Amino acid sequence: MTKSDVIDQVAEGTGLTKLETEAVVNGFLKTIVDALAEGESIELRGFGTFRVKERAPRTGRNPKTGKLVEIDIQYVPHFKMSREVRRHIDNSIKSDQDQQYEQS
């Protein structure tokens, strides 16, 4: 599913125009990115938590030359979904698989 697909589905579900929905989705995503860039975490109850994790500096290897390379500390975004979302996805996929098995 692409961002455009998300915009289409949200527009259908809310009755907003696609242009209005695109502005809302873009604003929402920008808010998350800006907050993460400032080191904040975002908790969306019932959905999950976005936060920034720190990766320690380490020594890597250039795959072409085999030469050792020092890799600086890195800050990477991380998403941890809620139990409710995890259960919903698990149950949904399992029921789909059960239906496919029954049809075989």
N, C-alpha and C. Protein backbone atom coordinates (compact mmCIF):
# COMPACT_ATOMS: atom_id res chain seq x y z
N MET A 1 0.85 -1.17 0.00
CA MET A 1 0.00 0.00 0.00
C MET A 1 0.90 1.24 0.00
N THR A 2 0.58 2.18 -0.84
CA THR A 2 1.36 3.39 -0.94
C THR A 2 0.66 4.53 -0.18
N LYS A 3 1.38 5.64 -0.05
CA LYS A 3 0.80 6.81 0.62
C LYS A 3 -0.47 7.26 -0.11
N SER A 4 -0.46 7.18 -1.43
CA SER A 4 -1.62 7.55 -2.23
C SER A 4 -2.81 6.65 -1.91
N ASP A 5 -2.56 5.35 -1.73
CA ASP A 5 -3.63 4.42 -1.37
C ASP A 5 -4.21 4.76 0.01
N VAL A 6 -3.34 5.12 0.94
CA VAL A 6 -3.79 5.50 2.29
C VAL A 6 -4.67 6.74 2.18
N ILE A 7 -4.24 7.72 1.42
CA ILE A 7 -5.01 8.95 1.24
C ILE A 7 -6.38 8.64 0.65
N ASP A 8 -6.42 7.76 -0.35
CA ASP A 8 -7.70 7.39 -0.98
C ASP A 8 -8.64 6.74 0.04
N GLN A 9 -8.13 5.80 0.83
CA GLN A 9 -8.98 5.09 1.79
C GLN A 9 -9.45 6.01 2.91
N VAL A 10 -8.56 6.87 3.40
CA VAL A 10 -8.97 7.80 4.46
C VAL A 10 -10.01 8.78 3.92
N ALA A 11 -9.83 9.25 2.70
CA ALA A 11 -10.79 10.18 2.09
C ALA A 11 -12.16 9.52 1.97
N GLU A 12 -12.19 8.26 1.54
CA GLU A 12 -13.46 7.54 1.43
C GLU A 12 -14.13 7.36 2.79
N GLY A 13 -13.32 7.05 3.79
CA GLY A 13 -13.86 6.78 5.12
C GLY A 13 -14.31 8.02 5.88
N THR A 14 -13.73 9.16 5.56
CA THR A 14 -14.05 10.38 6.32
C THR A 14 -14.97 11.34 5.58
N GLY A 15 -15.03 11.22 4.27
CA GLY A 15 -15.85 12.16 3.50
C GLY A 15 -15.09 13.43 3.14
N LEU A 16 -13.82 13.50 3.54
CA LEU A 16 -13.00 14.65 3.15
C LEU A 16 -12.58 14.48 1.70
N THR A 17 -12.19 15.59 1.07
CA THR A 17 -11.67 15.48 -0.29
C THR A 17 -10.28 14.88 -0.23
N LYS A 18 -9.82 14.38 -1.36
CA LYS A 18 -8.47 13.81 -1.40
C LYS A 18 -7.41 14.87 -1.10
N LEU A 19 -7.66 16.09 -1.55
CA LEU A 19 -6.72 17.18 -1.31
C LEU A 19 -6.63 17.50 0.18
N GLU A 20 -7.78 17.55 0.85
CA GLU A 20 -7.78 17.80 2.30
C GLU A 20 -7.12 16.65 3.05
N THR A 21 -7.44 15.44 2.63
CA THR A 21 -6.87 14.26 3.28
C THR A 21 -5.37 14.22 3.09
N GLU A 22 -4.90 14.56 1.90
CA GLU A 22 -3.45 14.57 1.65
C GLU A 22 -2.76 15.57 2.57
N ALA A 23 -3.36 16.72 2.77
CA ALA A 23 -2.79 17.74 3.66
C ALA A 23 -2.72 17.21 5.10
N VAL A 24 -3.76 16.52 5.54
CA VAL A 24 -3.79 15.97 6.89
C VAL A 24 -2.72 14.89 7.04
N VAL A 25 -2.65 13.97 6.09
CA VAL A 25 -1.67 12.87 6.15
C VAL A 25 -0.25 13.44 6.13
N ASN A 26 0.02 14.38 5.23
CA ASN A 26 1.35 14.99 5.16
C ASN A 26 1.69 15.72 6.45
N GLY A 27 0.73 16.44 7.01
CA GLY A 27 0.95 17.14 8.28
C GLY A 27 1.23 16.17 9.41
N PHE A 28 0.50 15.07 9.45
CA PHE A 28 0.70 14.04 10.48
C PHE A 28 2.10 13.44 10.38
N LEU A 29 2.50 13.07 9.17
CA LEU A 29 3.83 12.47 8.98
C LEU A 29 4.93 13.47 9.30
N LYS A 30 4.76 14.73 8.91
CA LYS A 30 5.77 15.75 9.20
C LYS A 30 5.91 15.95 10.70
N THR A 31 4.80 15.93 11.42
CA THR A 31 4.82 16.08 12.87
C THR A 31 5.62 14.95 13.52
N ILE A 32 5.41 13.73 13.05
CA ILE A 32 6.15 12.59 13.59
C ILE A 32 7.64 12.73 13.30
N VAL A 33 7.99 13.05 12.07
CA VAL A 33 9.40 13.18 11.68
C VAL A 33 10.07 14.30 12.46
N ASP A 34 9.42 15.44 12.58
CA ASP A 34 10.00 16.57 13.30
C ASP A 34 10.20 16.25 14.78
N ALA A 35 9.24 15.57 15.39
CA ALA A 35 9.36 15.20 16.80
C ALA A 35 10.51 14.22 17.00
N LEU A 36 10.62 13.25 16.11
CA LEU A 36 11.72 12.28 16.22
C LEU A 36 13.07 12.97 16.03
N ALA A 37 13.13 13.93 15.11
CA ALA A 37 14.37 14.66 14.86
C ALA A 37 14.79 15.47 16.09
N GLU A 38 13.84 15.83 16.93
CA GLU A 38 14.14 16.56 18.17
C GLU A 38 14.38 15.62 19.34
N GLY A 39 14.36 14.32 19.07
CA GLY A 39 14.63 13.34 20.11
C GLY A 39 13.42 12.95 20.95
N GLU A 40 12.25 13.41 20.56
CA GLU A 40 11.03 13.07 21.30
C GLU A 40 10.52 11.70 20.86
N SER A 41 9.70 11.09 21.72
CA SER A 41 9.01 9.87 21.31
C SER A 41 7.53 10.21 21.15
N ILE A 42 6.85 9.44 20.31
CA ILE A 42 5.44 9.67 20.04
C ILE A 42 4.69 8.39 20.40
N GLU A 43 3.73 8.51 21.29
CA GLU A 43 2.93 7.36 21.69
C GLU A 43 1.51 7.54 21.19
N LEU A 44 1.07 6.63 20.34
CA LEU A 44 -0.30 6.63 19.84
C LEU A 44 -0.99 5.43 20.48
N ARG A 45 -1.72 5.69 21.55
CA ARG A 45 -2.33 4.60 22.33
C ARG A 45 -3.18 3.71 21.44
N GLY A 46 -3.00 2.43 21.61
CA GLY A 46 -3.74 1.46 20.81
C GLY A 46 -3.12 1.21 19.45
N PHE A 47 -2.07 1.94 19.11
CA PHE A 47 -1.40 1.74 17.81
C PHE A 47 0.06 1.39 18.01
N GLY A 48 0.82 2.26 18.66
CA GLY A 48 2.23 1.98 18.88
C GLY A 48 3.01 3.21 19.28
N THR A 49 4.32 3.02 19.39
CA THR A 49 5.22 4.08 19.83
C THR A 49 6.35 4.26 18.83
N PHE A 50 6.59 5.51 18.45
CA PHE A 50 7.73 5.87 17.62
C PHE A 50 8.78 6.47 18.54
N ARG A 51 10.04 6.08 18.37
CA ARG A 51 11.12 6.71 19.12
C ARG A 51 12.42 6.56 18.35
N VAL A 52 13.44 7.23 18.84
CA VAL A 52 14.75 7.18 18.20
C VAL A 52 15.66 6.30 19.05
N LYS A 53 16.33 5.37 18.39
CA LYS A 53 17.29 4.51 19.08
C LYS A 53 18.70 4.94 18.67
N GLU A 54 19.60 4.79 19.61
CA GLU A 54 21.00 5.13 19.34
C GLU A 54 21.77 3.86 19.02
N ARG A 55 22.47 3.88 17.90
CA ARG A 55 23.35 2.77 17.54
C ARG A 55 24.77 3.18 17.88
N ALA A 56 25.43 2.35 18.64
CA ALA A 56 26.79 2.65 19.09
C ALA A 56 27.75 2.68 17.90
N PRO A 57 28.84 3.45 18.03
CA PRO A 57 29.84 3.42 16.97
C PRO A 57 30.45 2.03 16.89
N ARG A 58 30.86 1.65 15.68
CA ARG A 58 31.42 0.31 15.52
C ARG A 58 32.39 0.29 14.35
N THR A 59 33.05 -0.82 14.23
CA THR A 59 33.95 -1.01 13.10
C THR A 59 33.27 -1.91 12.09
N GLY A 60 33.21 -1.45 10.86
CA GLY A 60 32.61 -2.23 9.78
C GLY A 60 33.68 -2.59 8.77
N ARG A 61 33.26 -3.22 7.70
CA ARG A 61 34.19 -3.62 6.67
C ARG A 61 33.63 -3.24 5.31
N ASN A 62 34.45 -2.61 4.48
CA ASN A 62 34.06 -2.28 3.12
C ASN A 62 33.97 -3.60 2.34
N PRO A 63 32.80 -3.97 1.81
CA PRO A 63 32.67 -5.26 1.14
C PRO A 63 33.51 -5.38 -0.13
N LYS A 64 33.79 -4.26 -0.80
CA LYS A 64 34.59 -4.32 -2.02
C LYS A 64 36.07 -4.57 -1.73
N THR A 65 36.61 -3.81 -0.77
CA THR A 65 38.05 -3.86 -0.53
C THR A 65 38.42 -4.71 0.68
N GLY A 66 37.46 -4.94 1.56
CA GLY A 66 37.76 -5.67 2.79
C GLY A 66 38.41 -4.80 3.86
N LYS A 67 38.60 -3.52 3.56
CA LYS A 67 39.25 -2.60 4.48
C LYS A 67 38.31 -2.27 5.65
N LEU A 68 38.86 -2.16 6.86
CA LEU A 68 38.09 -1.80 8.03
C LEU A 68 37.70 -0.33 7.96
N VAL A 69 36.46 -0.04 8.35
CA VAL A 69 35.93 1.31 8.31
C VAL A 69 35.27 1.61 9.65
N GLU A 70 35.57 2.78 10.22
CA GLU A 70 34.92 3.19 11.46
C GLU A 70 33.57 3.80 11.13
N ILE A 71 32.54 3.31 11.78
CA ILE A 71 31.18 3.81 11.57
C ILE A 71 30.80 4.61 12.81
N ASP A 72 30.42 5.87 12.61
CA ASP A 72 30.07 6.76 13.71
C ASP A 72 28.76 6.32 14.38
N ILE A 73 28.49 6.93 15.51
CA ILE A 73 27.22 6.72 16.19
C ILE A 73 26.09 7.11 15.25
N GLN A 74 24.99 6.38 15.29
CA GLN A 74 23.85 6.67 14.43
C GLN A 74 22.58 6.69 15.26
N TYR A 75 21.65 7.53 14.86
CA TYR A 75 20.35 7.61 15.49
C TYR A 75 19.32 7.17 14.46
N VAL A 76 18.58 6.12 14.79
CA VAL A 76 17.64 5.55 13.83
C VAL A 76 16.22 5.52 14.41
N PRO A 77 15.22 5.79 13.57
CA PRO A 77 13.84 5.72 14.04
C PRO A 77 13.44 4.26 14.30
N HIS A 78 12.58 4.08 15.28
CA HIS A 78 12.13 2.75 15.66
C HIS A 78 10.64 2.82 15.96
N PHE A 79 9.90 1.81 15.51
CA PHE A 79 8.47 1.74 15.79
C PHE A 79 8.17 0.43 16.50
N LYS A 80 7.47 0.53 17.62
CA LYS A 80 7.04 -0.66 18.34
C LYS A 80 5.52 -0.63 18.38
N MET A 81 4.90 -1.61 17.74
CA MET A 81 3.44 -1.62 17.69
C MET A 81 2.84 -2.11 19.00
N SER A 82 1.61 -1.71 19.25
CA SER A 82 0.92 -2.09 20.48
C SER A 82 0.49 -3.55 20.42
N ARG A 83 0.19 -4.10 21.58
CA ARG A 83 -0.29 -5.49 21.64
C ARG A 83 -1.57 -5.67 20.85
N GLU A 84 -2.45 -4.67 20.92
CA GLU A 84 -3.73 -4.75 20.21
C GLU A 84 -3.51 -4.88 18.71
N VAL A 85 -2.62 -4.06 18.17
CA VAL A 85 -2.34 -4.10 16.73
C VAL A 85 -1.70 -5.43 16.37
N ARG A 86 -0.75 -5.86 17.17
CA ARG A 86 -0.07 -7.13 16.91
C ARG A 86 -1.07 -8.29 16.90
N ARG A 87 -1.96 -8.32 17.90
CA ARG A 87 -2.97 -9.39 17.97
C ARG A 87 -3.91 -9.34 16.78
N HIS A 88 -4.34 -8.13 16.43
CA HIS A 88 -5.27 -7.98 15.30
C HIS A 88 -4.65 -8.51 14.01
N ILE A 89 -3.40 -8.15 13.76
CA ILE A 89 -2.71 -8.60 12.55
C ILE A 89 -2.56 -10.12 12.57
N ASP A 90 -2.12 -10.65 13.69
CA ASP A 90 -1.92 -12.09 13.83
C ASP A 90 -3.22 -12.85 13.59
N ASN A 91 -4.29 -12.43 14.27
CA ASN A 91 -5.58 -13.11 14.12
C ASN A 91 -6.14 -12.99 12.72
N SER A 92 -5.96 -11.83 12.11
CA SER A 92 -6.47 -11.59 10.77
C SER A 92 -5.77 -12.49 9.75
N ILE A 93 -4.46 -12.58 9.84
CA ILE A 93 -3.71 -13.42 8.90
C ILE A 93 -4.01 -14.89 9.14
N LYS A 94 -4.12 -15.29 10.41
CA LYS A 94 -4.44 -16.69 10.71
C LYS A 94 -5.81 -17.07 10.17
N SER A 95 -6.80 -16.18 10.31
CA SER A 95 -8.14 -16.50 9.81
C SER A 95 -8.15 -16.57 8.29
N ASP A 96 -7.36 -15.70 7.62
CA ASP A 96 -7.24 -15.76 6.17
C ASP A 96 -6.63 -17.09 5.73
N GLN A 97 -5.59 -17.53 6.45
CA GLN A 97 -4.94 -18.80 6.13
C GLN A 97 -5.89 -19.97 6.37
N ASP A 98 -6.68 -19.90 7.44
CA ASP A 98 -7.65 -20.96 7.72
C ASP A 98 -8.69 -21.05 6.61
N GLN A 99 -9.14 -19.89 6.11
CA GLN A 99 -10.13 -19.88 5.03
C GLN A 99 -9.54 -20.46 3.75
N GLN A 100 -8.27 -20.15 3.47
CA GLN A 100 -7.62 -20.69 2.28
C GLN A 100 -7.45 -22.19 2.41
N TYR A 101 -7.14 -22.66 3.61
CA TYR A 101 -6.95 -24.08 3.85
C TYR A 101 -8.27 -24.83 3.66
N GLU A 102 -9.37 -24.23 4.14
CA GLU A 102 -10.68 -24.86 4.02
C GLU A 102 -11.14 -24.94 2.57
N GLN A 103 -10.74 -23.98 1.75
CA GLN A 103 -11.14 -23.96 0.35
C GLN A 103 -10.35 -24.94 -0.48
N SER A 104 -9.19 -25.38 0.02
CA SER A 104 -8.35 -26.32 -0.74
C SER A 104 -8.91 -27.71 -0.73
